[in-house]
Amino acid sequence: MNPILALLKEHNISDEQIQSLFETLTANPLMTMGVIQQLGIPQEKLQQLMMMVMQNPALIKDAVNELGLDFSKVEEAKAKLQK
């Protein structure tokens, strides 16, 4: 299992919440941090998660693929942020 998804599951985040989080990530990345904060994951675990993603950004793509979402939406959102 993807380490991002494993961390979320470890904190009893439901499949529906995980799906919603990644749908938000693909649709509007700026909203993602707000959604993550509402999940109630301890700050130290969020920092650990951010370090994982910073060291290996492909984890996001792997998680999106594992959830069956369209990664091209992540790329579109990333392009919008860079403009």
PDB file of N, CA and C in Angstrom:
ATOM      1  N   MET A   1       0.855  -1.186   0.000  1.00  0.00           N
ATOM      2  CA  MET A   1       0.000   0.000   0.000  1.00  0.00           C
ATOM      3  C   MET A   1       0.893   1.239   0.000  1.00  0.00           C
ATOM      4  N   ASN A   2       0.451   2.232  -0.704  1.00  0.00           N
ATOM      5  CA  ASN A   2       1.143   3.515  -0.773  1.00  0.00           C
ATOM      6  C   ASN A   2       1.309   4.086   0.647  1.00  0.00           C
ATOM      7  N   PRO A   3       2.509   4.606   0.990  1.00  0.00           N
ATOM      8  CA  PRO A   3       2.721   5.127   2.352  1.00  0.00           C
ATOM      9  C   PRO A   3       1.795   6.283   2.730  1.00  0.00           C
ATOM     10  N   ILE A   4       1.383   7.091   1.769  1.00  0.00           N
ATOM     11  CA  ILE A   4       0.447   8.179   2.062  1.00  0.00           C
ATOM     12  C   ILE A   4      -0.890   7.583   2.494  1.00  0.00           C
ATOM     13  N   LEU A   5      -1.366   6.630   1.721  1.00  0.00           N
ATOM     14  CA  LEU A   5      -2.640   5.987   2.040  1.00  0.00           C
ATOM     15  C   LEU A   5      -2.537   5.206   3.345  1.00  0.00           C
ATOM     16  N   ALA A   6      -1.387   4.567   3.581  1.00  0.00           N
ATOM     17  CA  ALA A   6      -1.197   3.814   4.825  1.00  0.00           C
ATOM     18  C   ALA A   6      -1.261   4.735   6.039  1.00  0.00           C
ATOM     19  N   LEU A   7      -0.638   5.905   5.938  1.00  0.00           N
ATOM     20  CA  LEU A   7      -0.662   6.860   7.049  1.00  0.00           C
ATOM     21  C   LEU A   7      -2.089   7.335   7.325  1.00  0.00           C
ATOM     22  N   LEU A   8      -2.821   7.614   6.269  1.00  0.00           N
ATOM     23  CA  LEU A   8      -4.209   8.047   6.440  1.00  0.00           C
ATOM     24  C   LEU A   8      -5.040   6.945   7.085  1.00  0.00           C
ATOM     25  N   LYS A   9      -4.859   5.711   6.629  1.00  0.00           N
ATOM     26  CA  LYS A   9      -5.604   4.578   7.197  1.00  0.00           C
ATOM     27  C   LYS A   9      -5.227   4.373   8.667  1.00  0.00           C
ATOM     28  N   GLU A  10      -3.940   4.568   8.971  1.00  0.00           N
ATOM     29  CA  GLU A  10      -3.449   4.407  10.339  1.00  0.00           C
ATOM     30  C   GLU A  10      -4.179   5.340  11.308  1.00  0.00           C
ATOM     31  N   HIS A  11      -4.626   6.480  10.792  1.00  0.00           N
ATOM     32  CA  HIS A  11      -5.333   7.460  11.623  1.00  0.00           C
ATOM     33  C   HIS A  11      -6.848   7.382  11.435  1.00  0.00           C
ATOM     34  N   ASN A  12      -7.288   6.203  11.011  1.00  0.00           N
ATOM     35  CA  ASN A  12      -8.719   5.902  10.883  1.00  0.00           C
ATOM     36  C   ASN A  12      -9.463   6.864   9.956  1.00  0.00           C
ATOM     37  N   ILE A  13      -8.783   7.287   8.908  1.00  0.00           N
ATOM     38  CA  ILE A  13      -9.421   8.112   7.885  1.00  0.00           C
ATOM     39  C   ILE A  13     -10.160   7.149   6.953  1.00  0.00           C
ATOM     40  N   SER A  14     -11.440   7.388   6.759  1.00  0.00           N
ATOM     41  CA  SER A  14     -12.265   6.468   5.962  1.00  0.00           C
ATOM     42  C   SER A  14     -11.887   6.530   4.482  1.00  0.00           C
ATOM     43  N   ASP A  15     -12.270   5.474   3.773  1.00  0.00           N
ATOM     44  CA  ASP A  15     -12.023   5.437   2.328  1.00  0.00           C
ATOM     45  C   ASP A  15     -12.692   6.621   1.638  1.00  0.00           C
ATOM     46  N   GLU A  16     -13.882   6.981   2.105  1.00  0.00           N
ATOM     47  CA  GLU A  16     -14.609   8.105   1.508  1.00  0.00           C
ATOM     48  C   GLU A  16     -13.841   9.415   1.715  1.00  0.00           C
ATOM     49  N   GLN A  17     -13.281   9.596   2.920  1.00  0.00           N
ATOM     50  CA  GLN A  17     -12.510  10.812   3.195  1.00  0.00           C
ATOM     51  C   GLN A  17     -11.233  10.855   2.362  1.00  0.00           C
ATOM     52  N   ILE A  18     -10.590   9.702   2.215  1.00  0.00           N
ATOM     53  CA  ILE A  18      -9.366   9.632   1.399  1.00  0.00           C
ATOM     54  C   ILE A  18      -9.691   9.963  -0.046  1.00  0.00           C
ATOM     55  N   GLN A  19     -10.760   9.373  -0.554  1.00  0.00           N
ATOM     56  CA  GLN A  19     -11.184   9.646  -1.928  1.00  0.00           C
ATOM     57  C   GLN A  19     -11.463  11.141  -2.100  1.00  0.00           C
ATOM     58  N   SER A  20     -12.160  11.723  -1.151  1.00  0.00           N
ATOM     59  CA  SER A  20     -12.488  13.147  -1.203  1.00  0.00           C
ATOM     60  C   SER A  20     -11.236  14.006  -1.169  1.00  0.00           C
ATOM     61  N   LEU A  21     -10.294  13.626  -0.319  1.00  0.00           N
ATOM     62  CA  LEU A  21      -9.032  14.367  -0.216  1.00  0.00           C
ATOM     63  C   LEU A  21      -8.303  14.388  -1.552  1.00  0.00           C
ATOM     64  N   PHE A  22      -8.196  13.236  -2.185  1.00  0.00           N
ATOM     65  CA  PHE A  22      -7.470  13.171  -3.453  1.00  0.00           C
ATOM     66  C   PHE A  22      -8.259  13.789  -4.601  1.00  0.00           C
ATOM     67  N   GLU A  23      -9.575  13.760  -4.529  1.00  0.00           N
ATOM     68  CA  GLU A  23     -10.375  14.467  -5.526  1.00  0.00           C
ATOM     69  C   GLU A  23     -10.159  15.971  -5.388  1.00  0.00           C
ATOM     70  N   THR A  24     -10.062  16.439  -4.142  1.00  0.00           N
ATOM     71  CA  THR A  24      -9.773  17.860  -3.905  1.00  0.00           C
ATOM     72  C   THR A  24      -8.387  18.196  -4.429  1.00  0.00           C
ATOM     73  N   LEU A  25      -7.425  17.323  -4.166  1.00  0.00           N
ATOM     74  CA  LEU A  25      -6.057  17.527  -4.641  1.00  0.00           C
ATOM     75  C   LEU A  25      -6.017  17.663  -6.158  1.00  0.00           C
ATOM     76  N   THR A  26      -6.774  16.826  -6.850  1.00  0.00           N
ATOM     77  CA  THR A  26      -6.740  16.866  -8.306  1.00  0.00           C
ATOM     78  C   THR A  26      -7.541  18.035  -8.874  1.00  0.00           C
ATOM     79  N   ALA A  27      -8.564  18.469  -8.163  1.00  0.00           N
ATOM     80  CA  ALA A  27      -9.410  19.550  -8.665  1.00  0.00           C
ATOM     81  C   ALA A  27      -8.914  20.929  -8.249  1.00  0.00           C
ATOM     82  N   ASN A  28      -8.475  21.057  -7.004  1.00  0.00           N
ATOM     83  CA  ASN A  28      -8.081  22.371  -6.486  1.00  0.00           C
ATOM     84  C   ASN A  28      -7.025  22.188  -5.393  1.00  0.00           C
ATOM     85  N   PRO A  29      -5.758  22.072  -5.785  1.00  0.00           N
ATOM     86  CA  PRO A  29      -4.692  21.794  -4.818  1.00  0.00           C
ATOM     87  C   PRO A  29      -4.607  22.798  -3.671  1.00  0.00           C
ATOM     88  N   LEU A  30      -5.027  24.027  -3.904  1.00  0.00           N
ATOM     89  CA  LEU A  30      -4.961  25.033  -2.852  1.00  0.00           C
ATOM     90  C   LEU A  30      -5.890  24.699  -1.686  1.00  0.00           C
ATOM     91  N   MET A  31      -6.946  23.966  -1.953  1.00  0.00           N
ATOM     92  CA  MET A  31      -7.905  23.586  -0.910  1.00  0.00           C
ATOM     93  C   MET A  31      -7.453  22.358  -0.121  1.00  0.00           C
ATOM     94  N   THR A  32      -6.470  21.646  -0.639  1.00  0.00           N
ATOM     95  CA  THR A  32      -6.065  20.378  -0.050  1.00  0.00           C
ATOM     96  C   THR A  32      -5.607  20.518   1.394  1.00  0.00           C
ATOM     97  N   MET A  33      -4.806  21.532   1.702  1.00  0.00           N
ATOM     98  CA  MET A  33      -4.286  21.672   3.062  1.00  0.00           C
ATOM     99  C   MET A  33      -5.424  21.867   4.055  1.00  0.00           C
ATOM    100  N   GLY A  34      -6.433  22.609   3.698  1.00  0.00           N
ATOM    101  CA  GLY A  34      -7.585  22.794   4.576  1.00  0.00           C
ATOM    102  C   GLY A  34      -8.293  21.490   4.844  1.00  0.00           C
ATOM    103  N   VAL A  35      -8.437  20.678   3.815  1.00  0.00           N
ATOM    104  CA  VAL A  35      -9.096  19.378   3.966  1.00  0.00           C
ATOM    105  C   VAL A  35      -8.255  18.473   4.863  1.00  0.00           C
ATOM    106  N   ILE A  36      -6.946  18.470   4.652  1.00  0.00           N
ATOM    107  CA  ILE A  36      -6.051  17.635   5.467  1.00  0.00           C
ATOM    108  C   ILE A  36      -6.144  18.026   6.939  1.00  0.00           C
ATOM    109  N   GLN A  37      -6.173  19.320   7.210  1.00  0.00           N
ATOM    110  CA  GLN A  37      -6.226  19.780   8.590  1.00  0.00           C
ATOM    111  C   GLN A  37      -7.520  19.363   9.283  1.00  0.00           C
ATOM    112  N   GLN A  38      -8.590  19.227   8.547  1.00  0.00           N
ATOM    113  CA  GLN A  38      -9.878  18.823   9.107  1.00  0.00           C
ATOM    114  C   GLN A  38      -9.924  17.339   9.465  1.00  0.00           C
ATOM    115  N   LEU A  39      -8.935  16.569   9.005  1.00  0.00           N
ATOM    116  CA  LEU A  39      -8.935  15.132   9.254  1.00  0.00           C
ATOM    117  C   LEU A  39      -8.482  14.783  10.671  1.00  0.00           C
ATOM    118  N   GLY A  40      -7.859  15.733  11.361  1.00  0.00           N
ATOM    119  CA  GLY A  40      -7.452  15.496  12.744  1.00  0.00           C
ATOM    120  C   GLY A  40      -6.181  14.689  12.914  1.00  0.00           C
ATOM    121  N   ILE A  41      -5.341  14.671  11.909  1.00  0.00           N
ATOM    122  CA  ILE A  41      -4.066  13.961  12.012  1.00  0.00           C
ATOM    123  C   ILE A  41      -3.106  14.836  12.815  1.00  0.00           C
ATOM    124  N   PRO A  42      -2.387  14.255  13.779  1.00  0.00           N
ATOM    125  CA  PRO A  42      -1.448  15.052  14.587  1.00  0.00           C
ATOM    126  C   PRO A  42      -0.407  15.761  13.718  1.00  0.00           C
ATOM    127  N   GLN A  43      -0.012  16.952  14.142  1.00  0.00           N
ATOM    128  CA  GLN A  43       0.907  17.791  13.384  1.00  0.00           C
ATOM    129  C   GLN A  43       2.209  17.057  13.025  1.00  0.00           C
ATOM    130  N   GLU A  44       2.761  16.295  13.973  1.00  0.00           N
ATOM    131  CA  GLU A  44       4.024  15.605  13.695  1.00  0.00           C
ATOM    132  C   GLU A  44       3.868  14.569  12.594  1.00  0.00           C
ATOM    133  N   LYS A  45       2.704  13.943  12.508  1.00  0.00           N
ATOM    134  CA  LYS A  45       2.447  12.977  11.435  1.00  0.00           C
ATOM    135  C   LYS A  45       2.272  13.688  10.095  1.00  0.00           C
ATOM    136  N   LEU A  46       1.648  14.867  10.110  1.00  0.00           N
ATOM    137  CA  LEU A  46       1.506  15.641   8.875  1.00  0.00           C
ATOM    138  C   LEU A  46       2.878  16.065   8.364  1.00  0.00           C
ATOM    139  N   GLN A  47       3.753  16.464   9.284  1.00  0.00           N
ATOM    140  CA  GLN A  47       5.116  16.846   8.877  1.00  0.00           C
ATOM    141  C   GLN A  47       5.845  15.655   8.277  1.00  0.00           C
ATOM    142  N   GLN A  48       5.667  14.489   8.894  1.00  0.00           N
ATOM    143  CA  GLN A  48       6.274  13.265   8.377  1.00  0.00           C
ATOM    144  C   GLN A  48       5.760  12.974   6.969  1.00  0.00           C
ATOM    145  N   LEU A  49       4.460  13.141   6.772  1.00  0.00           N
ATOM    146  CA  LEU A  49       3.842  12.924   5.472  1.00  0.00           C
ATOM    147  C   LEU A  49       4.397  13.904   4.434  1.00  0.00           C
ATOM    148  N   MET A  50       4.506  15.169   4.812  1.00  0.00           N
ATOM    149  CA  MET A  50       5.031  16.185   3.888  1.00  0.00           C
ATOM    150  C   MET A  50       6.477  15.879   3.498  1.00  0.00           C
ATOM    151  N   MET A  51       7.272  15.419   4.448  1.00  0.00           N
ATOM    152  CA  MET A  51       8.662  15.058   4.144  1.00  0.00           C
ATOM    153  C   MET A  51       8.714  13.888   3.158  1.00  0.00           C
ATOM    154  N   MET A  52       7.833  12.900   3.362  1.00  0.00           N
ATOM    155  CA  MET A  52       7.780  11.770   2.433  1.00  0.00           C
ATOM    156  C   MET A  52       7.486  12.248   1.021  1.00  0.00           C
ATOM    157  N   VAL A  53       6.491  13.127   0.906  1.00  0.00           N
ATOM    158  CA  VAL A  53       6.073  13.620  -0.412  1.00  0.00           C
ATOM    159  C   VAL A  53       7.170  14.484  -1.036  1.00  0.00           C
ATOM    160  N   MET A  54       7.829  15.306  -0.218  1.00  0.00           N
ATOM    161  CA  MET A  54       8.897  16.160  -0.746  1.00  0.00           C
ATOM    162  C   MET A  54      10.076  15.319  -1.237  1.00  0.00           C
ATOM    163  N   GLN A  55      10.382  14.238  -0.539  1.00  0.00           N
ATOM    164  CA  GLN A  55      11.495  13.377  -0.926  1.00  0.00           C
ATOM    165  C   GLN A  55      11.144  12.486  -2.105  1.00  0.00           C
ATOM    166  N   ASN A  56       9.864  12.175  -2.254  1.00  0.00           N
ATOM    167  CA  ASN A  56       9.436  11.285  -3.321  1.00  0.00           C
ATOM    168  C   ASN A  56       8.066  11.719  -3.849  1.00  0.00           C
ATOM    169  N   PRO A  57       8.039  12.763  -4.691  1.00  0.00           N
ATOM    170  CA  PRO A  57       6.759  13.268  -5.206  1.00  0.00           C
ATOM    171  C   PRO A  57       5.950  12.228  -5.973  1.00  0.00           C
ATOM    172  N   ALA A  58       6.590  11.182  -6.458  1.00  0.00           N
ATOM    173  CA  ALA A  58       5.876  10.140  -7.202  1.00  0.00           C
ATOM    174  C   ALA A  58       4.870   9.417  -6.314  1.00  0.00           C
ATOM    175  N   LEU A  59       4.997   9.563  -4.993  1.00  0.00           N
ATOM    176  CA  LEU A  59       4.035   8.930  -4.085  1.00  0.00           C
ATOM    177  C   LEU A  59       2.615   9.447  -4.331  1.00  0.00           C
ATOM    178  N   ILE A  60       2.505  10.715  -4.699  1.00  0.00           N
ATOM    179  CA  ILE A  60       1.172  11.262  -4.984  1.00  0.00           C
ATOM    180  C   ILE A  60       0.582  10.577  -6.208  1.00  0.00           C
ATOM    181  N   LYS A  61       1.400  10.446  -7.251  1.00  0.00           N
ATOM    182  CA  LYS A  61       0.920   9.782  -8.467  1.00  0.00           C
ATOM    183  C   LYS A  61       0.523   8.340  -8.159  1.00  0.00           C
ATOM    184  N   ASP A  62       1.347   7.649  -7.362  1.00  0.00           N
ATOM    185  CA  ASP A  62       1.039   6.272  -7.011  1.00  0.00           C
ATOM    186  C   ASP A  62      -0.281   6.180  -6.243  1.00  0.00           C
ATOM    187  N   ALA A  63      -0.487   7.106  -5.303  1.00  0.00           N
ATOM    188  CA  ALA A  63      -1.724   7.096  -4.510  1.00  0.00           C
ATOM    189  C   ALA A  63      -2.927   7.386  -5.395  1.00  0.00           C
ATOM    190  N   VAL A  64      -2.794   8.359  -6.294  1.00  0.00           N
ATOM    191  CA  VAL A  64      -3.890   8.704  -7.209  1.00  0.00           C
ATOM    192  C   VAL A  64      -4.231   7.496  -8.076  1.00  0.00           C
ATOM    193  N   ASN A  65      -3.195   6.823  -8.587  1.00  0.00           N
ATOM    194  CA  ASN A  65      -3.431   5.639  -9.416  1.00  0.00           C
ATOM    195  C   ASN A  65      -4.070   4.516  -8.610  1.00  0.00           C
ATOM    196  N   GLU A  66      -3.597   4.333  -7.369  1.00  0.00           N
ATOM    197  CA  GLU A  66      -4.151   3.277  -6.512  1.00  0.00           C
ATOM    198  C   GLU A  66      -5.631   3.518  -6.218  1.00  0.00           C
ATOM    199  N   LEU A  67      -6.010   4.795  -6.131  1.00  0.00           N
ATOM    200  CA  LEU A  67      -7.410   5.137  -5.877  1.00  0.00           C
ATOM    201  C   LEU A  67      -8.260   5.126  -7.146  1.00  0.00           C
ATOM    202  N   GLY A  68      -7.594   4.957  -8.301  1.00  0.00           N
ATOM    203  CA  GLY A  68      -8.328   4.905  -9.560  1.00  0.00           C
ATOM    204  C   GLY A  68      -8.742   6.272 -10.076  1.00  0.00           C
ATOM    205  N   LEU A  69      -8.022   7.317  -9.655  1.00  0.00           N
ATOM    206  CA  LEU A  69      -8.329   8.669 -10.123  1.00  0.00           C
ATOM    207  C   LEU A  69      -7.474   9.004 -11.333  1.00  0.00           C
ATOM    208  N   ASP A  70      -7.771  10.104 -11.971  1.00  0.00           N
ATOM    209  CA  ASP A  70      -7.094  10.537 -13.190  1.00  0.00           C
ATOM    210  C   ASP A  70      -5.927  11.455 -12.828  1.00  0.00           C
ATOM    211  N   PHE A  71      -4.686  10.967 -12.983  1.00  0.00           N
ATOM    212  CA  PHE A  71      -3.518  11.756 -12.616  1.00  0.00           C
ATOM    213  C   PHE A  71      -3.341  12.977 -13.508  1.00  0.00           C
ATOM    214  N   SER A  72      -3.881  12.951 -14.717  1.00  0.00           N
ATOM    215  CA  SER A  72      -3.745  14.112 -15.595  1.00  0.00           C
ATOM    216  C   SER A  72      -4.365  15.353 -14.961  1.00  0.00           C
ATOM    217  N   LYS A  73      -5.373  15.146 -14.095  1.00  0.00           N
ATOM    218  CA  LYS A  73      -5.990  16.277 -13.389  1.00  0.00           C
ATOM    219  C   LYS A  73      -4.994  16.909 -12.423  1.00  0.00           C
ATOM    220  N   VAL A  74      -4.146  16.094 -11.801  1.00  0.00           N
ATOM    221  CA  VAL A  74      -3.095  16.620 -10.917  1.00  0.00           C
ATOM    222  C   VAL A  74      -2.133  17.474 -11.732  1.00  0.00           C
ATOM    223  N   GLU A  75      -1.756  16.987 -12.901  1.00  0.00           N
ATOM    224  CA  GLU A  75      -0.841  17.734 -13.765  1.00  0.00           C
ATOM    225  C   GLU A  75      -1.475  19.057 -14.210  1.00  0.00           C
ATOM    226  N   GLU A  76      -2.761  19.035 -14.532  1.00  0.00           N
ATOM    227  CA  GLU A  76      -3.461  20.275 -14.923  1.00  0.00           C
ATOM    228  C   GLU A  76      -3.474  21.260 -13.765  1.00  0.00           C
ATOM    229  N   ALA A  77      -3.763  20.777 -12.573  1.00  0.00           N
ATOM    230  CA  ALA A  77      -3.797  21.648 -11.398  1.00  0.00           C
ATOM    231  C   ALA A  77      -2.421  22.215 -11.102  1.00  0.00           C
ATOM    232  N   LYS A  78      -1.401  21.411 -11.262  1.00  0.00           N
ATOM    233  CA  LYS A  78      -0.019  21.856 -11.041  1.00  0.00           C
ATOM    234  C   LYS A  78       0.338  22.970 -12.034  1.00  0.00           C
ATOM    235  N   ALA A  79      -0.066  22.801 -13.272  1.00  0.00           N
ATOM    236  CA  ALA A  79       0.203  23.819 -14.295  1.00  0.00           C
ATOM    237  C   ALA A  79      -0.502  25.127 -13.960  1.00  0.00           C
ATOM    238  N   LYS A  80      -1.724  25.037 -13.450  1.00  0.00           N
ATOM    239  CA  LYS A  80      -2.456  26.246 -13.068  1.00  0.00           C
ATOM    240  C   LYS A  80      -1.741  26.988 -11.947  1.00  0.00           C
ATOM    241  N   LEU A  81      -1.197  26.239 -10.997  1.00  0.00           N
ATOM    242  CA  LEU A  81      -0.491  26.866  -9.876  1.00  0.00           C
ATOM    243  C   LEU A  81       0.798  27.556 -10.311  1.00  0.00           C
ATOM    244  N   GLN A  82       1.422  27.057 -11.349  1.00  0.00           N
ATOM    245  CA  GLN A  82       2.690  27.602 -11.811  1.00  0.00           C
ATOM    246  C   GLN A  82       2.511  28.884 -12.616  1.00  0.00           C
ATOM    247  N   LYS A  83       1.286  29.172 -13.033  1.00  0.00           N
ATOM    248  CA  LYS A  83       1.032  30.387 -13.830  1.00  0.00           C
ATOM    249  C   LYS A  83       0.885  31.588 -12.966  1.00  0.00           C
TER     250      LYS A  83
END
